[in-house]
Structure formats: structure tokens, C-alpha cells
Amino acid sequence: YKILLLTFKILNGEAPAYLSNLVSR
């Protein structure tokens, strides 16, 4: 649940860059 929540925030621009850089569409 925690990982999926962080992933959703990444895809919606609500997460810091060091997490956003770890996944790609």
C-alpha cells in the first residue's frame, strides 16, 4: 500500500525528484 501510494504521488508530481527519477511511464 505504501509503495503504491508513493508511486501515485510520483505520477502526479507530488513526490520529490529523487523518487520521481526512479520510475518512468
PDBML (XML) file of the C-alpha atoms, coordinates in Angstrom:
<?xml version="1.0" encoding="UTF-8" ?>
<PDBx:datablock datablockName="MODEL"
   xmlns:PDBx="http://pdbml.pdb.org/schema/pdbx-v50.xsd"
   xmlns:xsi="http://www.w3.org/2001/XMLSchema-instance"
   xsi:schemaLocation="http://pdbml.pdb.org/schema/pdbx-v50.xsd pdbx-v50.xsd">
   <PDBx:atom_siteCategory>
      <PDBx:atom_site id="1">
         <PDBx:B_iso_or_equiv>0.00</PDBx:B_iso_or_equiv>
         <PDBx:Cartn_x>0.000</PDBx:Cartn_x>
         <PDBx:Cartn_y>0.000</PDBx:Cartn_y>
         <PDBx:Cartn_z>0.000</PDBx:Cartn_z>
         <PDBx:auth_asym_id>A</PDBx:auth_asym_id>
         <PDBx:auth_atom_id>CA</PDBx:auth_atom_id>
         <PDBx:auth_comp_id>TYR</PDBx:auth_comp_id>
         <PDBx:auth_seq_id>1</PDBx:auth_seq_id>
         <PDBx:group_PDB>ATOM</PDBx:group_PDB>
         <PDBx:label_alt_id xsi:nil="true" />
         <PDBx:label_asym_id>A</PDBx:label_asym_id>
         <PDBx:label_atom_id>CA</PDBx:label_atom_id>
         <PDBx:label_comp_id>TYR</PDBx:label_comp_id>
         <PDBx:label_entity_id>1</PDBx:label_entity_id>
         <PDBx:label_seq_id>1</PDBx:label_seq_id>
         <PDBx:occupancy>1.00</PDBx:occupancy>
         <PDBx:pdbx_PDB_model_num>1</PDBx:pdbx_PDB_model_num>
         <PDBx:type_symbol>C</PDBx:type_symbol>
      </PDBx:atom_site>
      <PDBx:atom_site id="2">
         <PDBx:B_iso_or_equiv>0.00</PDBx:B_iso_or_equiv>
         <PDBx:Cartn_x>2.778</PDBx:Cartn_x>
         <PDBx:Cartn_y>2.456</PDBx:Cartn_y>
         <PDBx:Cartn_z>0.923</PDBx:Cartn_z>
         <PDBx:auth_asym_id>A</PDBx:auth_asym_id>
         <PDBx:auth_atom_id>CA</PDBx:auth_atom_id>
         <PDBx:auth_comp_id>LYS</PDBx:auth_comp_id>
         <PDBx:auth_seq_id>2</PDBx:auth_seq_id>
         <PDBx:group_PDB>ATOM</PDBx:group_PDB>
         <PDBx:label_alt_id xsi:nil="true" />
         <PDBx:label_asym_id>A</PDBx:label_asym_id>
         <PDBx:label_atom_id>CA</PDBx:label_atom_id>
         <PDBx:label_comp_id>LYS</PDBx:label_comp_id>
         <PDBx:label_entity_id>1</PDBx:label_entity_id>
         <PDBx:label_seq_id>2</PDBx:label_seq_id>
         <PDBx:occupancy>1.00</PDBx:occupancy>
         <PDBx:pdbx_PDB_model_num>1</PDBx:pdbx_PDB_model_num>
         <PDBx:type_symbol>C</PDBx:type_symbol>
      </PDBx:atom_site>
      <PDBx:atom_site id="3">
         <PDBx:B_iso_or_equiv>0.00</PDBx:B_iso_or_equiv>
         <PDBx:Cartn_x>4.730</PDBx:Cartn_x>
         <PDBx:Cartn_y>1.760</PDBx:Cartn_y>
         <PDBx:Cartn_z>-2.284</PDBx:Cartn_z>
         <PDBx:auth_asym_id>A</PDBx:auth_asym_id>
         <PDBx:auth_atom_id>CA</PDBx:auth_atom_id>
         <PDBx:auth_comp_id>ILE</PDBx:auth_comp_id>
         <PDBx:auth_seq_id>3</PDBx:auth_seq_id>
         <PDBx:group_PDB>ATOM</PDBx:group_PDB>
         <PDBx:label_alt_id xsi:nil="true" />
         <PDBx:label_asym_id>A</PDBx:label_asym_id>
         <PDBx:label_atom_id>CA</PDBx:label_atom_id>
         <PDBx:label_comp_id>ILE</PDBx:label_comp_id>
         <PDBx:label_entity_id>1</PDBx:label_entity_id>
         <PDBx:label_seq_id>3</PDBx:label_seq_id>
         <PDBx:occupancy>1.00</PDBx:occupancy>
         <PDBx:pdbx_PDB_model_num>1</PDBx:pdbx_PDB_model_num>
         <PDBx:type_symbol>C</PDBx:type_symbol>
      </PDBx:atom_site>
      <PDBx:atom_site id="4">
         <PDBx:B_iso_or_equiv>0.00</PDBx:B_iso_or_equiv>
         <PDBx:Cartn_x>1.649</PDBx:Cartn_x>
         <PDBx:Cartn_y>2.200</PDBx:Cartn_y>
         <PDBx:Cartn_z>-4.467</PDBx:Cartn_z>
         <PDBx:auth_asym_id>A</PDBx:auth_asym_id>
         <PDBx:auth_atom_id>CA</PDBx:auth_atom_id>
         <PDBx:auth_comp_id>LEU</PDBx:auth_comp_id>
         <PDBx:auth_seq_id>4</PDBx:auth_seq_id>
         <PDBx:group_PDB>ATOM</PDBx:group_PDB>
         <PDBx:label_alt_id xsi:nil="true" />
         <PDBx:label_asym_id>A</PDBx:label_asym_id>
         <PDBx:label_atom_id>CA</PDBx:label_atom_id>
         <PDBx:label_comp_id>LEU</PDBx:label_comp_id>
         <PDBx:label_entity_id>1</PDBx:label_entity_id>
         <PDBx:label_seq_id>4</PDBx:label_seq_id>
         <PDBx:occupancy>1.00</PDBx:occupancy>
         <PDBx:pdbx_PDB_model_num>1</PDBx:pdbx_PDB_model_num>
         <PDBx:type_symbol>C</PDBx:type_symbol>
      </PDBx:atom_site>
      <PDBx:atom_site id="5">
         <PDBx:B_iso_or_equiv>0.00</PDBx:B_iso_or_equiv>
         <PDBx:Cartn_x>0.772</PDBx:Cartn_x>
         <PDBx:Cartn_y>5.451</PDBx:Cartn_y>
         <PDBx:Cartn_z>-2.711</PDBx:Cartn_z>
         <PDBx:auth_asym_id>A</PDBx:auth_asym_id>
         <PDBx:auth_atom_id>CA</PDBx:auth_atom_id>
         <PDBx:auth_comp_id>LEU</PDBx:auth_comp_id>
         <PDBx:auth_seq_id>5</PDBx:auth_seq_id>
         <PDBx:group_PDB>ATOM</PDBx:group_PDB>
         <PDBx:label_alt_id xsi:nil="true" />
         <PDBx:label_asym_id>A</PDBx:label_asym_id>
         <PDBx:label_atom_id>CA</PDBx:label_atom_id>
         <PDBx:label_comp_id>LEU</PDBx:label_comp_id>
         <PDBx:label_entity_id>1</PDBx:label_entity_id>
         <PDBx:label_seq_id>5</PDBx:label_seq_id>
         <PDBx:occupancy>1.00</PDBx:occupancy>
         <PDBx:pdbx_PDB_model_num>1</PDBx:pdbx_PDB_model_num>
         <PDBx:type_symbol>C</PDBx:type_symbol>
      </PDBx:atom_site>
      <PDBx:atom_site id="6">
         <PDBx:B_iso_or_equiv>0.00</PDBx:B_iso_or_equiv>
         <PDBx:Cartn_x>4.278</PDBx:Cartn_x>
         <PDBx:Cartn_y>6.799</PDBx:Cartn_y>
         <PDBx:Cartn_z>-3.332</PDBx:Cartn_z>
         <PDBx:auth_asym_id>A</PDBx:auth_asym_id>
         <PDBx:auth_atom_id>CA</PDBx:auth_atom_id>
         <PDBx:auth_comp_id>LEU</PDBx:auth_comp_id>
         <PDBx:auth_seq_id>6</PDBx:auth_seq_id>
         <PDBx:group_PDB>ATOM</PDBx:group_PDB>
         <PDBx:label_alt_id xsi:nil="true" />
         <PDBx:label_asym_id>A</PDBx:label_asym_id>
         <PDBx:label_atom_id>CA</PDBx:label_atom_id>
         <PDBx:label_comp_id>LEU</PDBx:label_comp_id>
         <PDBx:label_entity_id>1</PDBx:label_entity_id>
         <PDBx:label_seq_id>6</PDBx:label_seq_id>
         <PDBx:occupancy>1.00</PDBx:occupancy>
         <PDBx:pdbx_PDB_model_num>1</PDBx:pdbx_PDB_model_num>
         <PDBx:type_symbol>C</PDBx:type_symbol>
      </PDBx:atom_site>
      <PDBx:atom_site id="7">
         <PDBx:B_iso_or_equiv>0.00</PDBx:B_iso_or_equiv>
         <PDBx:Cartn_x>4.037</PDBx:Cartn_x>
         <PDBx:Cartn_y>5.716</PDBx:Cartn_y>
         <PDBx:Cartn_z>-6.973</PDBx:Cartn_z>
         <PDBx:auth_asym_id>A</PDBx:auth_asym_id>
         <PDBx:auth_atom_id>CA</PDBx:auth_atom_id>
         <PDBx:auth_comp_id>THR</PDBx:auth_comp_id>
         <PDBx:auth_seq_id>7</PDBx:auth_seq_id>
         <PDBx:group_PDB>ATOM</PDBx:group_PDB>
         <PDBx:label_alt_id xsi:nil="true" />
         <PDBx:label_asym_id>A</PDBx:label_asym_id>
         <PDBx:label_atom_id>CA</PDBx:label_atom_id>
         <PDBx:label_comp_id>THR</PDBx:label_comp_id>
         <PDBx:label_entity_id>1</PDBx:label_entity_id>
         <PDBx:label_seq_id>7</PDBx:label_seq_id>
         <PDBx:occupancy>1.00</PDBx:occupancy>
         <PDBx:pdbx_PDB_model_num>1</PDBx:pdbx_PDB_model_num>
         <PDBx:type_symbol>C</PDBx:type_symbol>
      </PDBx:atom_site>
      <PDBx:atom_site id="8">
         <PDBx:B_iso_or_equiv>0.00</PDBx:B_iso_or_equiv>
         <PDBx:Cartn_x>0.749</PDBx:Cartn_x>
         <PDBx:Cartn_y>7.583</PDBx:Cartn_y>
         <PDBx:Cartn_z>-7.421</PDBx:Cartn_z>
         <PDBx:auth_asym_id>A</PDBx:auth_asym_id>
         <PDBx:auth_atom_id>CA</PDBx:auth_atom_id>
         <PDBx:auth_comp_id>PHE</PDBx:auth_comp_id>
         <PDBx:auth_seq_id>8</PDBx:auth_seq_id>
         <PDBx:group_PDB>ATOM</PDBx:group_PDB>
         <PDBx:label_alt_id xsi:nil="true" />
         <PDBx:label_asym_id>A</PDBx:label_asym_id>
         <PDBx:label_atom_id>CA</PDBx:label_atom_id>
         <PDBx:label_comp_id>PHE</PDBx:label_comp_id>
         <PDBx:label_entity_id>1</PDBx:label_entity_id>
         <PDBx:label_seq_id>8</PDBx:label_seq_id>
         <PDBx:occupancy>1.00</PDBx:occupancy>
         <PDBx:pdbx_PDB_model_num>1</PDBx:pdbx_PDB_model_num>
         <PDBx:type_symbol>C</PDBx:type_symbol>
      </PDBx:atom_site>
      <PDBx:atom_site id="9">
         <PDBx:B_iso_or_equiv>0.00</PDBx:B_iso_or_equiv>
         <PDBx:Cartn_x>2.285</PDBx:Cartn_x>
         <PDBx:Cartn_y>10.733</PDBx:Cartn_y>
         <PDBx:Cartn_z>-5.941</PDBx:Cartn_z>
         <PDBx:auth_asym_id>A</PDBx:auth_asym_id>
         <PDBx:auth_atom_id>CA</PDBx:auth_atom_id>
         <PDBx:auth_comp_id>LYS</PDBx:auth_comp_id>
         <PDBx:auth_seq_id>9</PDBx:auth_seq_id>
         <PDBx:group_PDB>ATOM</PDBx:group_PDB>
         <PDBx:label_alt_id xsi:nil="true" />
         <PDBx:label_asym_id>A</PDBx:label_asym_id>
         <PDBx:label_atom_id>CA</PDBx:label_atom_id>
         <PDBx:label_comp_id>LYS</PDBx:label_comp_id>
         <PDBx:label_entity_id>1</PDBx:label_entity_id>
         <PDBx:label_seq_id>9</PDBx:label_seq_id>
         <PDBx:occupancy>1.00</PDBx:occupancy>
         <PDBx:pdbx_PDB_model_num>1</PDBx:pdbx_PDB_model_num>
         <PDBx:type_symbol>C</PDBx:type_symbol>
      </PDBx:atom_site>
      <PDBx:atom_site id="10">
         <PDBx:B_iso_or_equiv>0.00</PDBx:B_iso_or_equiv>
         <PDBx:Cartn_x>5.244</PDBx:Cartn_x>
         <PDBx:Cartn_y>10.419</PDBx:Cartn_y>
         <PDBx:Cartn_z>-8.308</PDBx:Cartn_z>
         <PDBx:auth_asym_id>A</PDBx:auth_asym_id>
         <PDBx:auth_atom_id>CA</PDBx:auth_atom_id>
         <PDBx:auth_comp_id>ILE</PDBx:auth_comp_id>
         <PDBx:auth_seq_id>10</PDBx:auth_seq_id>
         <PDBx:group_PDB>ATOM</PDBx:group_PDB>
         <PDBx:label_alt_id xsi:nil="true" />
         <PDBx:label_asym_id>A</PDBx:label_asym_id>
         <PDBx:label_atom_id>CA</PDBx:label_atom_id>
         <PDBx:label_comp_id>ILE</PDBx:label_comp_id>
         <PDBx:label_entity_id>1</PDBx:label_entity_id>
         <PDBx:label_seq_id>10</PDBx:label_seq_id>
         <PDBx:occupancy>1.00</PDBx:occupancy>
         <PDBx:pdbx_PDB_model_num>1</PDBx:pdbx_PDB_model_num>
         <PDBx:type_symbol>C</PDBx:type_symbol>
      </PDBx:atom_site>
      <PDBx:atom_site id="11">
         <PDBx:B_iso_or_equiv>0.00</PDBx:B_iso_or_equiv>
         <PDBx:Cartn_x>2.971</PDBx:Cartn_x>
         <PDBx:Cartn_y>10.201</PDBx:Cartn_y>
         <PDBx:Cartn_z>-11.349</PDBx:Cartn_z>
         <PDBx:auth_asym_id>A</PDBx:auth_asym_id>
         <PDBx:auth_atom_id>CA</PDBx:auth_atom_id>
         <PDBx:auth_comp_id>LEU</PDBx:auth_comp_id>
         <PDBx:auth_seq_id>11</PDBx:auth_seq_id>
         <PDBx:group_PDB>ATOM</PDBx:group_PDB>
         <PDBx:label_alt_id xsi:nil="true" />
         <PDBx:label_asym_id>A</PDBx:label_asym_id>
         <PDBx:label_atom_id>CA</PDBx:label_atom_id>
         <PDBx:label_comp_id>LEU</PDBx:label_comp_id>
         <PDBx:label_entity_id>1</PDBx:label_entity_id>
         <PDBx:label_seq_id>11</PDBx:label_seq_id>
         <PDBx:occupancy>1.00</PDBx:occupancy>
         <PDBx:pdbx_PDB_model_num>1</PDBx:pdbx_PDB_model_num>
         <PDBx:type_symbol>C</PDBx:type_symbol>
      </PDBx:atom_site>
      <PDBx:atom_site id="12">
         <PDBx:B_iso_or_equiv>0.00</PDBx:B_iso_or_equiv>
         <PDBx:Cartn_x>1.033</PDBx:Cartn_x>
         <PDBx:Cartn_y>13.248</PDBx:Cartn_y>
         <PDBx:Cartn_z>-10.178</PDBx:Cartn_z>
         <PDBx:auth_asym_id>A</PDBx:auth_asym_id>
         <PDBx:auth_atom_id>CA</PDBx:auth_atom_id>
         <PDBx:auth_comp_id>ASN</PDBx:auth_comp_id>
         <PDBx:auth_seq_id>12</PDBx:auth_seq_id>
         <PDBx:group_PDB>ATOM</PDBx:group_PDB>
         <PDBx:label_alt_id xsi:nil="true" />
         <PDBx:label_asym_id>A</PDBx:label_asym_id>
         <PDBx:label_atom_id>CA</PDBx:label_atom_id>
         <PDBx:label_comp_id>ASN</PDBx:label_comp_id>
         <PDBx:label_entity_id>1</PDBx:label_entity_id>
         <PDBx:label_seq_id>12</PDBx:label_seq_id>
         <PDBx:occupancy>1.00</PDBx:occupancy>
         <PDBx:pdbx_PDB_model_num>1</PDBx:pdbx_PDB_model_num>
         <PDBx:type_symbol>C</PDBx:type_symbol>
      </PDBx:atom_site>
      <PDBx:atom_site id="13">
         <PDBx:B_iso_or_equiv>0.00</PDBx:B_iso_or_equiv>
         <PDBx:Cartn_x>4.019</PDBx:Cartn_x>
         <PDBx:Cartn_y>15.445</PDBx:Cartn_y>
         <PDBx:Cartn_z>-9.379</PDBx:Cartn_z>
         <PDBx:auth_asym_id>A</PDBx:auth_asym_id>
         <PDBx:auth_atom_id>CA</PDBx:auth_atom_id>
         <PDBx:auth_comp_id>GLY</PDBx:auth_comp_id>
         <PDBx:auth_seq_id>13</PDBx:auth_seq_id>
         <PDBx:group_PDB>ATOM</PDBx:group_PDB>
         <PDBx:label_alt_id xsi:nil="true" />
         <PDBx:label_asym_id>A</PDBx:label_asym_id>
         <PDBx:label_atom_id>CA</PDBx:label_atom_id>
         <PDBx:label_comp_id>GLY</PDBx:label_comp_id>
         <PDBx:label_entity_id>1</PDBx:label_entity_id>
         <PDBx:label_seq_id>13</PDBx:label_seq_id>
         <PDBx:occupancy>1.00</PDBx:occupancy>
         <PDBx:pdbx_PDB_model_num>1</PDBx:pdbx_PDB_model_num>
         <PDBx:type_symbol>C</PDBx:type_symbol>
      </PDBx:atom_site>
      <PDBx:atom_site id="14">
         <PDBx:B_iso_or_equiv>0.00</PDBx:B_iso_or_equiv>
         <PDBx:Cartn_x>3.616</PDBx:Cartn_x>
         <PDBx:Cartn_y>15.241</PDBx:Cartn_y>
         <PDBx:Cartn_z>-5.607</PDBx:Cartn_z>
         <PDBx:auth_asym_id>A</PDBx:auth_asym_id>
         <PDBx:auth_atom_id>CA</PDBx:auth_atom_id>
         <PDBx:auth_comp_id>GLU</PDBx:auth_comp_id>
         <PDBx:auth_seq_id>14</PDBx:auth_seq_id>
         <PDBx:group_PDB>ATOM</PDBx:group_PDB>
         <PDBx:label_alt_id xsi:nil="true" />
         <PDBx:label_asym_id>A</PDBx:label_asym_id>
         <PDBx:label_atom_id>CA</PDBx:label_atom_id>
         <PDBx:label_comp_id>GLU</PDBx:label_comp_id>
         <PDBx:label_entity_id>1</PDBx:label_entity_id>
         <PDBx:label_seq_id>14</PDBx:label_seq_id>
         <PDBx:occupancy>1.00</PDBx:occupancy>
         <PDBx:pdbx_PDB_model_num>1</PDBx:pdbx_PDB_model_num>
         <PDBx:type_symbol>C</PDBx:type_symbol>
      </PDBx:atom_site>
      <PDBx:atom_site id="15">
         <PDBx:B_iso_or_equiv>0.00</PDBx:B_iso_or_equiv>
         <PDBx:Cartn_x>6.872</PDBx:Cartn_x>
         <PDBx:Cartn_y>13.404</PDBx:Cartn_y>
         <PDBx:Cartn_z>-4.830</PDBx:Cartn_z>
         <PDBx:auth_asym_id>A</PDBx:auth_asym_id>
         <PDBx:auth_atom_id>CA</PDBx:auth_atom_id>
         <PDBx:auth_comp_id>ALA</PDBx:auth_comp_id>
         <PDBx:auth_seq_id>15</PDBx:auth_seq_id>
         <PDBx:group_PDB>ATOM</PDBx:group_PDB>
         <PDBx:label_alt_id xsi:nil="true" />
         <PDBx:label_asym_id>A</PDBx:label_asym_id>
         <PDBx:label_atom_id>CA</PDBx:label_atom_id>
         <PDBx:label_comp_id>ALA</PDBx:label_comp_id>
         <PDBx:label_entity_id>1</PDBx:label_entity_id>
         <PDBx:label_seq_id>15</PDBx:label_seq_id>
         <PDBx:occupancy>1.00</PDBx:occupancy>
         <PDBx:pdbx_PDB_model_num>1</PDBx:pdbx_PDB_model_num>
         <PDBx:type_symbol>C</PDBx:type_symbol>
      </PDBx:atom_site>
      <PDBx:atom_site id="16">
         <PDBx:B_iso_or_equiv>0.00</PDBx:B_iso_or_equiv>
         <PDBx:Cartn_x>10.472</PDBx:Cartn_x>
         <PDBx:Cartn_y>14.663</PDBx:Cartn_y>
         <PDBx:Cartn_z>-4.562</PDBx:Cartn_z>
         <PDBx:auth_asym_id>A</PDBx:auth_asym_id>
         <PDBx:auth_atom_id>CA</PDBx:auth_atom_id>
         <PDBx:auth_comp_id>PRO</PDBx:auth_comp_id>
         <PDBx:auth_seq_id>16</PDBx:auth_seq_id>
         <PDBx:group_PDB>ATOM</PDBx:group_PDB>
         <PDBx:label_alt_id xsi:nil="true" />
         <PDBx:label_asym_id>A</PDBx:label_asym_id>
         <PDBx:label_atom_id>CA</PDBx:label_atom_id>
         <PDBx:label_comp_id>PRO</PDBx:label_comp_id>
         <PDBx:label_entity_id>1</PDBx:label_entity_id>
         <PDBx:label_seq_id>16</PDBx:label_seq_id>
         <PDBx:occupancy>1.00</PDBx:occupancy>
         <PDBx:pdbx_PDB_model_num>1</PDBx:pdbx_PDB_model_num>
         <PDBx:type_symbol>C</PDBx:type_symbol>
      </PDBx:atom_site>
      <PDBx:atom_site id="17">
         <PDBx:B_iso_or_equiv>0.00</PDBx:B_iso_or_equiv>
         <PDBx:Cartn_x>12.773</PDBx:Cartn_x>
         <PDBx:Cartn_y>14.404</PDBx:Cartn_y>
         <PDBx:Cartn_z>-7.557</PDBx:Cartn_z>
         <PDBx:auth_asym_id>A</PDBx:auth_asym_id>
         <PDBx:auth_atom_id>CA</PDBx:auth_atom_id>
         <PDBx:auth_comp_id>ALA</PDBx:auth_comp_id>
         <PDBx:auth_seq_id>17</PDBx:auth_seq_id>
         <PDBx:group_PDB>ATOM</PDBx:group_PDB>
         <PDBx:label_alt_id xsi:nil="true" />
         <PDBx:label_asym_id>A</PDBx:label_asym_id>
         <PDBx:label_atom_id>CA</PDBx:label_atom_id>
         <PDBx:label_comp_id>ALA</PDBx:label_comp_id>
         <PDBx:label_entity_id>1</PDBx:label_entity_id>
         <PDBx:label_seq_id>17</PDBx:label_seq_id>
         <PDBx:occupancy>1.00</PDBx:occupancy>
         <PDBx:pdbx_PDB_model_num>1</PDBx:pdbx_PDB_model_num>
         <PDBx:type_symbol>C</PDBx:type_symbol>
      </PDBx:atom_site>
      <PDBx:atom_site id="18">
         <PDBx:B_iso_or_equiv>0.00</PDBx:B_iso_or_equiv>
         <PDBx:Cartn_x>14.956</PDBx:Cartn_x>
         <PDBx:Cartn_y>11.645</PDBx:Cartn_y>
         <PDBx:Cartn_z>-6.099</PDBx:Cartn_z>
         <PDBx:auth_asym_id>A</PDBx:auth_asym_id>
         <PDBx:auth_atom_id>CA</PDBx:auth_atom_id>
         <PDBx:auth_comp_id>TYR</PDBx:auth_comp_id>
         <PDBx:auth_seq_id>18</PDBx:auth_seq_id>
         <PDBx:group_PDB>ATOM</PDBx:group_PDB>
         <PDBx:label_alt_id xsi:nil="true" />
         <PDBx:label_asym_id>A</PDBx:label_asym_id>
         <PDBx:label_atom_id>CA</PDBx:label_atom_id>
         <PDBx:label_comp_id>TYR</PDBx:label_comp_id>
         <PDBx:label_entity_id>1</PDBx:label_entity_id>
         <PDBx:label_seq_id>18</PDBx:label_seq_id>
         <PDBx:occupancy>1.00</PDBx:occupancy>
         <PDBx:pdbx_PDB_model_num>1</PDBx:pdbx_PDB_model_num>
         <PDBx:type_symbol>C</PDBx:type_symbol>
      </PDBx:atom_site>
      <PDBx:atom_site id="19">
         <PDBx:B_iso_or_equiv>0.00</PDBx:B_iso_or_equiv>
         <PDBx:Cartn_x>11.898</PDBx:Cartn_x>
         <PDBx:Cartn_y>9.357</PDBx:Cartn_y>
         <PDBx:Cartn_z>-6.189</PDBx:Cartn_z>
         <PDBx:auth_asym_id>A</PDBx:auth_asym_id>
         <PDBx:auth_atom_id>CA</PDBx:auth_atom_id>
         <PDBx:auth_comp_id>LEU</PDBx:auth_comp_id>
         <PDBx:auth_seq_id>19</PDBx:auth_seq_id>
         <PDBx:group_PDB>ATOM</PDBx:group_PDB>
         <PDBx:label_alt_id xsi:nil="true" />
         <PDBx:label_asym_id>A</PDBx:label_asym_id>
         <PDBx:label_atom_id>CA</PDBx:label_atom_id>
         <PDBx:label_comp_id>LEU</PDBx:label_comp_id>
         <PDBx:label_entity_id>1</PDBx:label_entity_id>
         <PDBx:label_seq_id>19</PDBx:label_seq_id>
         <PDBx:occupancy>1.00</PDBx:occupancy>
         <PDBx:pdbx_PDB_model_num>1</PDBx:pdbx_PDB_model_num>
         <PDBx:type_symbol>C</PDBx:type_symbol>
      </PDBx:atom_site>
      <PDBx:atom_site id="20">
         <PDBx:B_iso_or_equiv>0.00</PDBx:B_iso_or_equiv>
         <PDBx:Cartn_x>10.477</PDBx:Cartn_x>
         <PDBx:Cartn_y>10.637</PDBx:Cartn_y>
         <PDBx:Cartn_z>-9.479</PDBx:Cartn_z>
         <PDBx:auth_asym_id>A</PDBx:auth_asym_id>
         <PDBx:auth_atom_id>CA</PDBx:auth_atom_id>
         <PDBx:auth_comp_id>SER</PDBx:auth_comp_id>
         <PDBx:auth_seq_id>20</PDBx:auth_seq_id>
         <PDBx:group_PDB>ATOM</PDBx:group_PDB>
         <PDBx:label_alt_id xsi:nil="true" />
         <PDBx:label_asym_id>A</PDBx:label_asym_id>
         <PDBx:label_atom_id>CA</PDBx:label_atom_id>
         <PDBx:label_comp_id>SER</PDBx:label_comp_id>
         <PDBx:label_entity_id>1</PDBx:label_entity_id>
         <PDBx:label_seq_id>20</PDBx:label_seq_id>
         <PDBx:occupancy>1.00</PDBx:occupancy>
         <PDBx:pdbx_PDB_model_num>1</PDBx:pdbx_PDB_model_num>
         <PDBx:type_symbol>C</PDBx:type_symbol>
      </PDBx:atom_site>
      <PDBx:atom_site id="21">
         <PDBx:B_iso_or_equiv>0.00</PDBx:B_iso_or_equiv>
         <PDBx:Cartn_x>13.716</PDBx:Cartn_x>
         <PDBx:Cartn_y>9.771</PDBx:Cartn_y>
         <PDBx:Cartn_z>-11.247</PDBx:Cartn_z>
         <PDBx:auth_asym_id>A</PDBx:auth_asym_id>
         <PDBx:auth_atom_id>CA</PDBx:auth_atom_id>
         <PDBx:auth_comp_id>ASN</PDBx:auth_comp_id>
         <PDBx:auth_seq_id>21</PDBx:auth_seq_id>
         <PDBx:group_PDB>ATOM</PDBx:group_PDB>
         <PDBx:label_alt_id xsi:nil="true" />
         <PDBx:label_asym_id>A</PDBx:label_asym_id>
         <PDBx:label_atom_id>CA</PDBx:label_atom_id>
         <PDBx:label_comp_id>ASN</PDBx:label_comp_id>
         <PDBx:label_entity_id>1</PDBx:label_entity_id>
         <PDBx:label_seq_id>21</PDBx:label_seq_id>
         <PDBx:occupancy>1.00</PDBx:occupancy>
         <PDBx:pdbx_PDB_model_num>1</PDBx:pdbx_PDB_model_num>
         <PDBx:type_symbol>C</PDBx:type_symbol>
      </PDBx:atom_site>
      <PDBx:atom_site id="22">
         <PDBx:B_iso_or_equiv>0.00</PDBx:B_iso_or_equiv>
         <PDBx:Cartn_x>13.381</PDBx:Cartn_x>
         <PDBx:Cartn_y>6.110</PDBx:Cartn_y>
         <PDBx:Cartn_z>-10.290</PDBx:Cartn_z>
         <PDBx:auth_asym_id>A</PDBx:auth_asym_id>
         <PDBx:auth_atom_id>CA</PDBx:auth_atom_id>
         <PDBx:auth_comp_id>LEU</PDBx:auth_comp_id>
         <PDBx:auth_seq_id>22</PDBx:auth_seq_id>
         <PDBx:group_PDB>ATOM</PDBx:group_PDB>
         <PDBx:label_alt_id xsi:nil="true" />
         <PDBx:label_asym_id>A</PDBx:label_asym_id>
         <PDBx:label_atom_id>CA</PDBx:label_atom_id>
         <PDBx:label_comp_id>LEU</PDBx:label_comp_id>
         <PDBx:label_entity_id>1</PDBx:label_entity_id>
         <PDBx:label_seq_id>22</PDBx:label_seq_id>
         <PDBx:occupancy>1.00</PDBx:occupancy>
         <PDBx:pdbx_PDB_model_num>1</PDBx:pdbx_PDB_model_num>
         <PDBx:type_symbol>C</PDBx:type_symbol>
      </PDBx:atom_site>
      <PDBx:atom_site id="23">
         <PDBx:B_iso_or_equiv>0.00</PDBx:B_iso_or_equiv>
         <PDBx:Cartn_x>10.334</PDBx:Cartn_x>
         <PDBx:Cartn_y>5.282</PDBx:Cartn_y>
         <PDBx:Cartn_z>-12.426</PDBx:Cartn_z>
         <PDBx:auth_asym_id>A</PDBx:auth_asym_id>
         <PDBx:auth_atom_id>CA</PDBx:auth_atom_id>
         <PDBx:auth_comp_id>VAL</PDBx:auth_comp_id>
         <PDBx:auth_seq_id>23</PDBx:auth_seq_id>
         <PDBx:group_PDB>ATOM</PDBx:group_PDB>
         <PDBx:label_alt_id xsi:nil="true" />
         <PDBx:label_asym_id>A</PDBx:label_asym_id>
         <PDBx:label_atom_id>CA</PDBx:label_atom_id>
         <PDBx:label_comp_id>VAL</PDBx:label_comp_id>
         <PDBx:label_entity_id>1</PDBx:label_entity_id>
         <PDBx:label_seq_id>23</PDBx:label_seq_id>
         <PDBx:occupancy>1.00</PDBx:occupancy>
         <PDBx:pdbx_PDB_model_num>1</PDBx:pdbx_PDB_model_num>
         <PDBx:type_symbol>C</PDBx:type_symbol>
      </PDBx:atom_site>
      <PDBx:atom_site id="24">
         <PDBx:B_iso_or_equiv>0.00</PDBx:B_iso_or_equiv>
         <PDBx:Cartn_x>9.228</PDBx:Cartn_x>
         <PDBx:Cartn_y>6.116</PDBx:Cartn_y>
         <PDBx:Cartn_z>-15.949</PDBx:Cartn_z>
         <PDBx:auth_asym_id>A</PDBx:auth_asym_id>
         <PDBx:auth_atom_id>CA</PDBx:auth_atom_id>
         <PDBx:auth_comp_id>SER</PDBx:auth_comp_id>
         <PDBx:auth_seq_id>24</PDBx:auth_seq_id>
         <PDBx:group_PDB>ATOM</PDBx:group_PDB>
         <PDBx:label_alt_id xsi:nil="true" />
         <PDBx:label_asym_id>A</PDBx:label_asym_id>
         <PDBx:label_atom_id>CA</PDBx:label_atom_id>
         <PDBx:label_comp_id>SER</PDBx:label_comp_id>
         <PDBx:label_entity_id>1</PDBx:label_entity_id>
         <PDBx:label_seq_id>24</PDBx:label_seq_id>
         <PDBx:occupancy>1.00</PDBx:occupancy>
         <PDBx:pdbx_PDB_model_num>1</PDBx:pdbx_PDB_model_num>
         <PDBx:type_symbol>C</PDBx:type_symbol>
      </PDBx:atom_site>
      <PDBx:atom_site id="25">
         <PDBx:B_iso_or_equiv>0.00</PDBx:B_iso_or_equiv>
         <PDBx:Cartn_x>5.979</PDBx:Cartn_x>
         <PDBx:Cartn_y>5.757</PDBx:Cartn_y>
         <PDBx:Cartn_z>-17.864</PDBx:Cartn_z>
         <PDBx:auth_asym_id>A</PDBx:auth_asym_id>
         <PDBx:auth_atom_id>CA</PDBx:auth_atom_id>
         <PDBx:auth_comp_id>ARG</PDBx:auth_comp_id>
         <PDBx:auth_seq_id>25</PDBx:auth_seq_id>
         <PDBx:group_PDB>ATOM</PDBx:group_PDB>
         <PDBx:label_alt_id xsi:nil="true" />
         <PDBx:label_asym_id>A</PDBx:label_asym_id>
         <PDBx:label_atom_id>CA</PDBx:label_atom_id>
         <PDBx:label_comp_id>ARG</PDBx:label_comp_id>
         <PDBx:label_entity_id>1</PDBx:label_entity_id>
         <PDBx:label_seq_id>25</PDBx:label_seq_id>
         <PDBx:occupancy>1.00</PDBx:occupancy>
         <PDBx:pdbx_PDB_model_num>1</PDBx:pdbx_PDB_model_num>
         <PDBx:type_symbol>C</PDBx:type_symbol>
      </PDBx:atom_site>
   </PDBx:atom_siteCategory>
</PDBx:datablock>
